PDB file of N, CA and C in Angstrom:
ATOM      1  N   MET A   1    -101.371  85.280  77.165  1.00  0.00           N
ATOM      2  CA  MET A   1    -100.259  84.548  77.763  1.00  0.00           C
ATOM      3  C   MET A   1     -98.971  85.279  77.407  1.00  0.00           C
ATOM      4  N   SER A   2     -98.118  85.504  78.400  1.00  0.00           N
ATOM      5  CA  SER A   2     -96.860  86.189  78.147  1.00  0.00           C
ATOM      6  C   SER A   2     -95.887  85.262  77.437  1.00  0.00           C
ATOM      7  N   VAL A   3     -94.880  85.853  76.807  1.00  0.00           N
ATOM      8  CA  VAL A   3     -93.854  85.059  76.122  1.00  0.00           C
ATOM      9  C   VAL A   3     -93.135  84.179  77.127  1.00  0.00           C
ATOM     10  N   GLU A   4     -92.846  84.733  78.318  1.00  0.00           N
ATOM     11  CA  GLU A   4     -92.164  83.956  79.359  1.00  0.00           C
ATOM     12  C   GLU A   4     -92.980  82.730  79.739  1.00  0.00           C
ATOM     13  N   THR A   5     -94.278  82.897  79.909  1.00  0.00           N
ATOM     14  CA  THR A   5     -95.150  81.779  80.254  1.00  0.00           C
ATOM     15  C   THR A   5     -95.198  80.769  79.121  1.00  0.00           C
ATOM     16  N   ALA A   6     -95.247  81.244  77.900  1.00  0.00           N
ATOM     17  CA  ALA A   6     -95.322  80.357  76.744  1.00  0.00           C
ATOM     18  C   ALA A   6     -94.061  79.520  76.594  1.00  0.00           C
ATOM     19  N   LEU A   7     -92.903  80.065  76.983  1.00  0.00           N
ATOM     20  CA  LEU A   7     -91.636  79.354  76.825  1.00  0.00           C
ATOM     21  C   LEU A   7     -91.325  78.428  77.994  1.00  0.00           C
ATOM     22  N   ARG A   8     -92.098  78.504  79.042  1.00  0.00           N
ATOM     23  CA  ARG A   8     -91.849  77.709  80.243  1.00  0.00           C
ATOM     24  C   ARG A   8     -92.647  76.416  80.195  1.00  0.00           C
ATOM     25  N   PHE A   9     -91.966  75.316  80.386  1.00  0.00           N
ATOM     26  CA  PHE A   9     -92.631  74.024  80.459  1.00  0.00           C
ATOM     27  C   PHE A   9     -93.174  73.835  81.864  1.00  0.00           C
ATOM     28  N   GLU A  10     -94.315  73.167  81.983  1.00  0.00           N
ATOM     29  CA  GLU A  10     -94.855  72.870  83.301  1.00  0.00           C
ATOM     30  C   GLU A  10     -93.822  72.075  84.082  1.00  0.00           C
ATOM     31  N   GLY A  11     -93.562  72.492  85.307  1.00  0.00           N
ATOM     32  CA  GLY A  11     -92.596  71.811  86.151  1.00  0.00           C
ATOM     33  C   GLY A  11     -91.184  72.339  86.020  1.00  0.00           C
ATOM     34  N   SER A  12     -90.950  73.295  85.118  1.00  0.00           N
ATOM     35  CA  SER A  12     -89.610  73.842  84.942  1.00  0.00           C
ATOM     36  C   SER A  12     -89.150  74.542  86.213  1.00  0.00           C
ATOM     37  N   TYR A  13     -87.903  74.346  86.561  1.00  0.00           N
ATOM     38  CA  TYR A  13     -87.324  74.969  87.749  1.00  0.00           C
ATOM     39  C   TYR A  13     -87.002  76.443  87.480  1.00  0.00           C
ATOM     40  N   LEU A  14     -86.223  76.704  86.453  1.00  0.00           N
ATOM     41  CA  LEU A  14     -85.856  78.058  86.026  1.00  0.00           C
ATOM     42  C   LEU A  14     -85.341  78.940  87.162  1.00  0.00           C
ATOM     43  N   GLY A  15     -84.683  78.326  88.150  1.00  0.00           N
ATOM     44  CA  GLY A  15     -84.087  79.088  89.240  1.00  0.00           C
ATOM     45  C   GLY A  15     -85.047  79.556  90.309  1.00  0.00           C
ATOM     46  N   GLN A  16     -86.261  79.052  90.312  1.00  0.00           N
ATOM     47  CA  GLN A  16     -87.265  79.487  91.286  1.00  0.00           C
ATOM     48  C   GLN A  16     -87.223  78.606  92.533  1.00  0.00           C
ATOM     49  N   ASP A  17     -86.335  78.959  93.459  1.00  0.00           N
ATOM     50  CA  ASP A  17     -86.171  78.176  94.684  1.00  0.00           C
ATOM     51  C   ASP A  17     -87.422  78.164  95.551  1.00  0.00           C
ATOM     52  N   ASP A  18     -88.291  79.168  95.412  1.00  0.00           N
ATOM     53  CA  ASP A  18     -89.474  79.247  96.265  1.00  0.00           C
ATOM     54  C   ASP A  18     -90.477  78.130  96.002  1.00  0.00           C
ATOM     55  N   GLN A  19     -90.347  77.411  94.887  1.00  0.00           N
ATOM     56  CA  GLN A  19     -91.268  76.307  94.601  1.00  0.00           C
ATOM     57  C   GLN A  19     -90.730  74.958  95.101  1.00  0.00           C
ATOM     58  N   LEU A  20     -89.566  74.981  95.757  1.00  0.00           N
ATOM     59  CA  LEU A  20     -88.924  73.741  96.194  1.00  0.00           C
ATOM     60  C   LEU A  20     -88.979  73.569  97.702  1.00  0.00           C
ATOM     61  N   THR A  21     -89.086  72.314  98.133  1.00  0.00           N
ATOM     62  CA  THR A  21     -88.899  71.978  99.541  1.00  0.00           C
ATOM     63  C   THR A  21     -87.508  71.364  99.660  1.00  0.00           C
ATOM     64  N   ASP A  22     -87.060  71.100 100.877  1.00  0.00           N
ATOM     65  CA  ASP A  22     -85.731  70.511 101.061  1.00  0.00           C
ATOM     66  C   ASP A  22     -85.619  69.115 100.470  1.00  0.00           C
ATOM     67  N   SER A  23     -86.741  68.422 100.280  1.00  0.00           N
ATOM     68  CA  SER A  23     -86.696  67.053  99.758  1.00  0.00           C
ATOM     69  C   SER A  23     -87.128  66.947  98.291  1.00  0.00           C
ATOM     70  N   THR A  24     -87.340  68.087  97.620  1.00  0.00           N
ATOM     71  CA  THR A  24     -87.766  68.065  96.222  1.00  0.00           C
ATOM     72  C   THR A  24     -86.715  67.409  95.337  1.00  0.00           C
ATOM     73  N   GLN A  25     -87.160  66.482  94.504  1.00  0.00           N
ATOM     74  CA  GLN A  25     -86.287  65.852  93.517  1.00  0.00           C
ATOM     75  C   GLN A  25     -86.512  66.543  92.179  1.00  0.00           C
ATOM     76  N   LEU A  26     -85.426  66.753  91.433  1.00  0.00           N
ATOM     77  CA  LEU A  26     -85.526  67.398  90.130  1.00  0.00           C
ATOM     78  C   LEU A  26     -84.839  66.540  89.081  1.00  0.00           C
ATOM     79  N   GLU A  27     -85.343  66.620  87.854  1.00  0.00           N
ATOM     80  CA  GLU A  27     -84.841  65.802  86.754  1.00  0.00           C
ATOM     81  C   GLU A  27     -84.289  66.700  85.651  1.00  0.00           C
ATOM     82  N   CYS A  28     -83.119  66.334  85.145  1.00  0.00           N
ATOM     83  CA  CYS A  28     -82.520  67.054  84.027  1.00  0.00           C
ATOM     84  C   CYS A  28     -83.364  66.797  82.782  1.00  0.00           C
ATOM     85  N   LYS A  29     -83.785  67.865  82.122  1.00  0.00           N
ATOM     86  CA  LYS A  29     -84.633  67.674  80.945  1.00  0.00           C
ATOM     87  C   LYS A  29     -83.828  67.279  79.712  1.00  0.00           C
ATOM     88  N   ILE A  30     -82.503  67.239  79.834  1.00  0.00           N
ATOM     89  CA  ILE A  30     -81.655  66.832  78.716  1.00  0.00           C
ATOM     90  C   ILE A  30     -81.379  65.330  78.763  1.00  0.00           C
ATOM     91  N   CYS A  31     -80.943  64.826  79.933  1.00  0.00           N
ATOM     92  CA  CYS A  31     -80.528  63.412  80.014  1.00  0.00           C
ATOM     93  C   CYS A  31     -81.342  62.585  81.013  1.00  0.00           C
ATOM     94  N   TRP A  32     -82.267  63.219  81.726  1.00  0.00           N
ATOM     95  CA  TRP A  32     -83.146  62.557  82.689  1.00  0.00           C
ATOM     96  C   TRP A  32     -82.454  62.142  83.991  1.00  0.00           C
ATOM     97  N   TYR A  33     -81.268  62.670  84.259  1.00  0.00           N
ATOM     98  CA  TYR A  33     -80.627  62.438  85.552  1.00  0.00           C
ATOM     99  C   TYR A  33     -81.523  63.039  86.634  1.00  0.00           C
ATOM    100  N   VAL A  34     -81.710  62.319  87.724  1.00  0.00           N
ATOM    101  CA  VAL A  34     -82.532  62.813  88.835  1.00  0.00           C
ATOM    102  C   VAL A  34     -81.626  63.210  89.998  1.00  0.00           C
ATOM    103  N   TYR A  35     -81.737  64.472  90.420  1.00  0.00           N
ATOM    104  CA  TYR A  35     -81.039  64.904  91.624  1.00  0.00           C
ATOM    105  C   TYR A  35     -81.936  64.608  92.809  1.00  0.00           C
ATOM    106  N   ASN A  36     -81.434  63.744  93.699  1.00  0.00           N
ATOM    107  CA  ASN A  36     -82.153  63.364  94.910  1.00  0.00           C
ATOM    108  C   ASN A  36     -81.387  63.943  96.098  1.00  0.00           C
ATOM    109  N   PRO A  37     -81.967  64.904  96.811  1.00  0.00           N
ATOM    110  CA  PRO A  37     -81.267  65.522  97.935  1.00  0.00           C
ATOM    111  C   PRO A  37     -80.788  64.520  98.988  1.00  0.00           C
ATOM    112  N   GLU A  38     -81.509  63.425  99.167  1.00  0.00           N
ATOM    113  CA  GLU A  38     -81.101  62.421 100.158  1.00  0.00           C
ATOM    114  C   GLU A  38     -79.769  61.776  99.788  1.00  0.00           C
ATOM    115  N   GLN A  39     -79.455  61.724  98.496  1.00  0.00           N
ATOM    116  CA  GLN A  39     -78.221  61.090  98.033  1.00  0.00           C
ATOM    117  C   GLN A  39     -77.090  62.078  97.781  1.00  0.00           C
ATOM    118  N   GLY A  40     -77.425  63.340  97.505  1.00  0.00           N
ATOM    119  CA  GLY A  40     -76.393  64.315  97.161  1.00  0.00           C
ATOM    120  C   GLY A  40     -75.829  64.009  95.783  1.00  0.00           C
ATOM    121  N   ASP A  41     -74.573  64.370  95.557  1.00  0.00           N
ATOM    122  CA  ASP A  41     -73.937  64.171  94.255  1.00  0.00           C
ATOM    123  C   ASP A  41     -72.450  63.910  94.450  1.00  0.00           C
ATOM    124  N   ASP A  42     -72.031  62.664  94.241  1.00  0.00           N
ATOM    125  CA  ASP A  42     -70.629  62.287  94.416  1.00  0.00           C
ATOM    126  C   ASP A  42     -69.706  63.003  93.434  1.00  0.00           C
ATOM    127  N   VAL A  43     -70.150  63.207  92.207  1.00  0.00           N
ATOM    128  CA  VAL A  43     -69.310  63.828  91.178  1.00  0.00           C
ATOM    129  C   VAL A  43     -68.900  65.242  91.593  1.00  0.00           C
ATOM    130  N   TRP A  44     -69.854  66.004  92.098  1.00  0.00           N
ATOM    131  CA  TRP A  44     -69.594  67.387  92.512  1.00  0.00           C
ATOM    132  C   TRP A  44     -69.301  67.491  94.011  1.00  0.00           C
ATOM    133  N   GLN A  45     -69.159  66.372  94.687  1.00  0.00           N
ATOM    134  CA  GLN A  45     -68.870  66.316  96.124  1.00  0.00           C
ATOM    135  C   GLN A  45     -69.916  67.096  96.941  1.00  0.00           C
ATOM    136  N   ILE A  46     -71.182  66.843  96.599  1.00  0.00           N
ATOM    137  CA  ILE A  46     -72.300  67.447  97.320  1.00  0.00           C
ATOM    138  C   ILE A  46     -72.773  66.433  98.358  1.00  0.00           C
ATOM    139  N   ALA A  47     -72.775  66.828  99.605  1.00  0.00           N
ATOM    140  CA  ALA A  47     -73.123  65.925 100.707  1.00  0.00           C
ATOM    141  C   ALA A  47     -74.591  65.503 100.649  1.00  0.00           C
ATOM    142  N   PRO A  48     -74.868  64.248 101.045  1.00  0.00           N
ATOM    143  CA  PRO A  48     -76.265  63.822 101.169  1.00  0.00           C
ATOM    144  C   PRO A  48     -77.016  64.779 102.095  1.00  0.00           C
ATOM    145  N   GLY A  49     -78.273  65.036 101.763  1.00  0.00           N
ATOM    146  CA  GLY A  49     -79.090  65.945 102.557  1.00  0.00           C
ATOM    147  C   GLY A  49     -79.073  67.386 102.057  1.00  0.00           C
ATOM    148  N   THR A  50     -78.336  67.646 100.966  1.00  0.00           N
ATOM    149  CA  THR A  50     -78.262  69.003 100.416  1.00  0.00           C
ATOM    150  C   THR A  50     -79.426  69.260  99.465  1.00  0.00           C
ATOM    151  N   PRO A  51     -80.318  70.194  99.812  1.00  0.00           N
ATOM    152  CA  PRO A  51     -81.439  70.513  98.918  1.00  0.00           C
ATOM    153  C   PRO A  51     -80.941  71.123  97.607  1.00  0.00           C
ATOM    154  N   PHE A  52     -81.708  70.942  96.549  1.00  0.00           N
ATOM    155  CA  PHE A  52     -81.361  71.487  95.238  1.00  0.00           C
ATOM    156  C   PHE A  52     -81.151  73.000  95.316  1.00  0.00           C
ATOM    157  N   SER A  53     -81.953  73.667  96.118  1.00  0.00           N
ATOM    158  CA  SER A  53     -81.861  75.126  96.242  1.00  0.00           C
ATOM    159  C   SER A  53     -80.550  75.583  96.871  1.00  0.00           C
ATOM    160  N   GLN A  54     -79.822  74.669  97.536  1.00  0.00           N
ATOM    161  CA  GLN A  54     -78.562  75.025  98.179  1.00  0.00           C
ATOM    162  C   GLN A  54     -77.345  74.561  97.390  1.00  0.00           C
ATOM    163  N   LEU A  55     -77.561  74.025  96.189  1.00  0.00           N
ATOM    164  CA  LEU A  55     -76.428  73.656  95.345  1.00  0.00           C
ATOM    165  C   LEU A  55     -75.706  74.929  94.916  1.00  0.00           C
ATOM    166  N   PRO A  56     -74.376  74.875  94.770  1.00  0.00           N
ATOM    167  CA  PRO A  56     -73.654  76.081  94.347  1.00  0.00           C
ATOM    168  C   PRO A  56     -74.082  76.521  92.944  1.00  0.00           C
ATOM    169  N   ASP A  57     -73.933  77.809  92.667  1.00  0.00           N
ATOM    170  CA  ASP A  57     -74.341  78.354  91.371  1.00  0.00           C
ATOM    171  C   ASP A  57     -73.631  77.685  90.199  1.00  0.00           C
ATOM    172  N   HIS A  58     -72.405  77.218  90.419  1.00  0.00           N
ATOM    173  CA  HIS A  58     -71.638  76.597  89.332  1.00  0.00           C
ATOM    174  C   HIS A  58     -71.982  75.112  89.127  1.00  0.00           C
ATOM    175  N   TRP A  59     -72.850  74.554  89.979  1.00  0.00           N
ATOM    176  CA  TRP A  59     -73.222  73.136  89.852  1.00  0.00           C
ATOM    177  C   TRP A  59     -73.924  72.900  88.523  1.00  0.00           C
ATOM    178  N   ARG A  60     -73.602  71.762  87.902  1.00  0.00           N
ATOM    179  CA  ARG A  60     -74.219  71.362  86.639  1.00  0.00           C
ATOM    180  C   ARG A  60     -74.550  69.879  86.725  1.00  0.00           C
ATOM    181  N   CYS A  61     -75.384  69.412  85.842  1.00  0.00           N
ATOM    182  CA  CYS A  61     -75.753  68.001  85.812  1.00  0.00           C
ATOM    183  C   CYS A  61     -74.491  67.152  85.692  1.00  0.00           C
ATOM    184  N   PRO A  62     -74.306  66.174  86.582  1.00  0.00           N
ATOM    185  CA  PRO A  62     -73.108  65.340  86.533  1.00  0.00           C
ATOM    186  C   PRO A  62     -73.081  64.375  85.345  1.00  0.00           C
ATOM    187  N   GLU A  63     -74.203  64.203  84.681  1.00  0.00           N
ATOM    188  CA  GLU A  63     -74.267  63.279  83.543  1.00  0.00           C
ATOM    189  C   GLU A  63     -74.030  63.971  82.201  1.00  0.00           C
ATOM    190  N   CYS A  64     -74.628  65.171  82.009  1.00  0.00           N
ATOM    191  CA  CYS A  64     -74.563  65.808  80.684  1.00  0.00           C
ATOM    192  C   CYS A  64     -74.059  67.247  80.723  1.00  0.00           C
ATOM    193  N   ASP A  65     -73.742  67.758  81.903  1.00  0.00           N
ATOM    194  CA  ASP A  65     -73.246  69.123  82.077  1.00  0.00           C
ATOM    195  C   ASP A  65     -74.324  70.188  81.852  1.00  0.00           C
ATOM    196  N   GLY A  66     -75.604  69.795  81.936  1.00  0.00           N
ATOM    197  CA  GLY A  66     -76.699  70.758  81.792  1.00  0.00           C
ATOM    198  C   GLY A  66     -76.754  71.702  82.982  1.00  0.00           C
ATOM    199  N   GLU A  67     -77.221  72.907  82.746  1.00  0.00           N
ATOM    200  CA  GLU A  67     -77.319  73.918  83.796  1.00  0.00           C
ATOM    201  C   GLU A  67     -78.447  73.608  84.778  1.00  0.00           C
ATOM    202  N   LYS A  68     -78.325  74.128  85.999  1.00  0.00           N
ATOM    203  CA  LYS A  68     -79.366  73.947  87.025  1.00  0.00           C
ATOM    204  C   LYS A  68     -80.734  74.396  86.533  1.00  0.00           C
ATOM    205  N   SER A  69     -80.760  75.463  85.762  1.00  0.00           N
ATOM    206  CA  SER A  69     -82.035  76.020  85.297  1.00  0.00           C
ATOM    207  C   SER A  69     -82.756  75.099  84.319  1.00  0.00           C
ATOM    208  N   GLN A  70     -82.059  74.071  83.825  1.00  0.00           N
ATOM    209  CA  GLN A  70     -82.645  73.145  82.867  1.00  0.00           C
ATOM    210  C   GLN A  70     -83.312  71.948  83.542  1.00  0.00           C
ATOM    211  N   PHE A  71     -83.410  71.980  84.866  1.00  0.00           N
ATOM    212  CA  PHE A  71     -84.024  70.875  85.596  1.00  0.00           C
ATOM    213  C   PHE A  71     -85.520  71.100  85.760  1.00  0.00           C
ATOM    214  N   MET A  72     -86.237  69.995  85.868  1.00  0.00           N
ATOM    215  CA  MET A  72     -87.690  70.013  86.034  1.00  0.00           C
ATOM    216  C   MET A  72     -88.035  69.455  87.417  1.00  0.00           C
ATOM    217  N   VAL A  73     -89.008  70.054  88.074  1.00  0.00           N
ATOM    218  CA  VAL A  73     -89.457  69.573  89.377  1.00  0.00           C
ATOM    219  C   VAL A  73     -90.154  68.235  89.174  1.00  0.00           C
ATOM    220  N   LEU A  74     -89.613  67.209  89.815  1.00  0.00           N
ATOM    221  CA  LEU A  74     -90.142  65.857  89.681  1.00  0.00           C
ATOM    222  C   LEU A  74     -91.101  65.529  90.810  1.00  0.00           C
ATOM    223  N   GLU A  75     -90.674  65.865  92.005  1.00  0.00           N
ATOM    224  CA  GLU A  75     -91.454  65.506  93.192  1.00  0.00           C
ATOM    225  C   GLU A  75     -91.223  66.550  94.262  1.00  0.00           C
ATOM    226  N   ASN A  76     -92.260  67.096  94.780  1.00  0.00           N
ATOM    227  CA  ASN A  76     -92.162  68.030  95.894  1.00  0.00           C
ATOM    228  C   ASN A  76     -92.507  67.276  97.162  1.00  0.00           C
ATOM    229  N   GLY A  77     -91.447  66.811  97.873  1.00  0.00           N
ATOM    230  CA  GLY A  77     -91.633  65.988  99.045  1.00  0.00           C
ATOM    231  C   GLY A  77     -92.283  66.708 100.093  1.00  0.00           C
TER     232      GLY A  77
END
């Protein structure tokens, strides 16, 4: 097992957009905030219907300021 594989939790996003669909929900592994594409994000002014893969690079968790790469795939719609 590679070090990269050993350090990766099952379901970790780690910037891999190819594992996401437009309706995939992801959960912050720090505070458990769930990003739901159907709802978007009022704090960051992200319109409803915006997939996680299309969030801007500077987007962070609106609850705890965690990075996008710290999110876990919750549901692949």
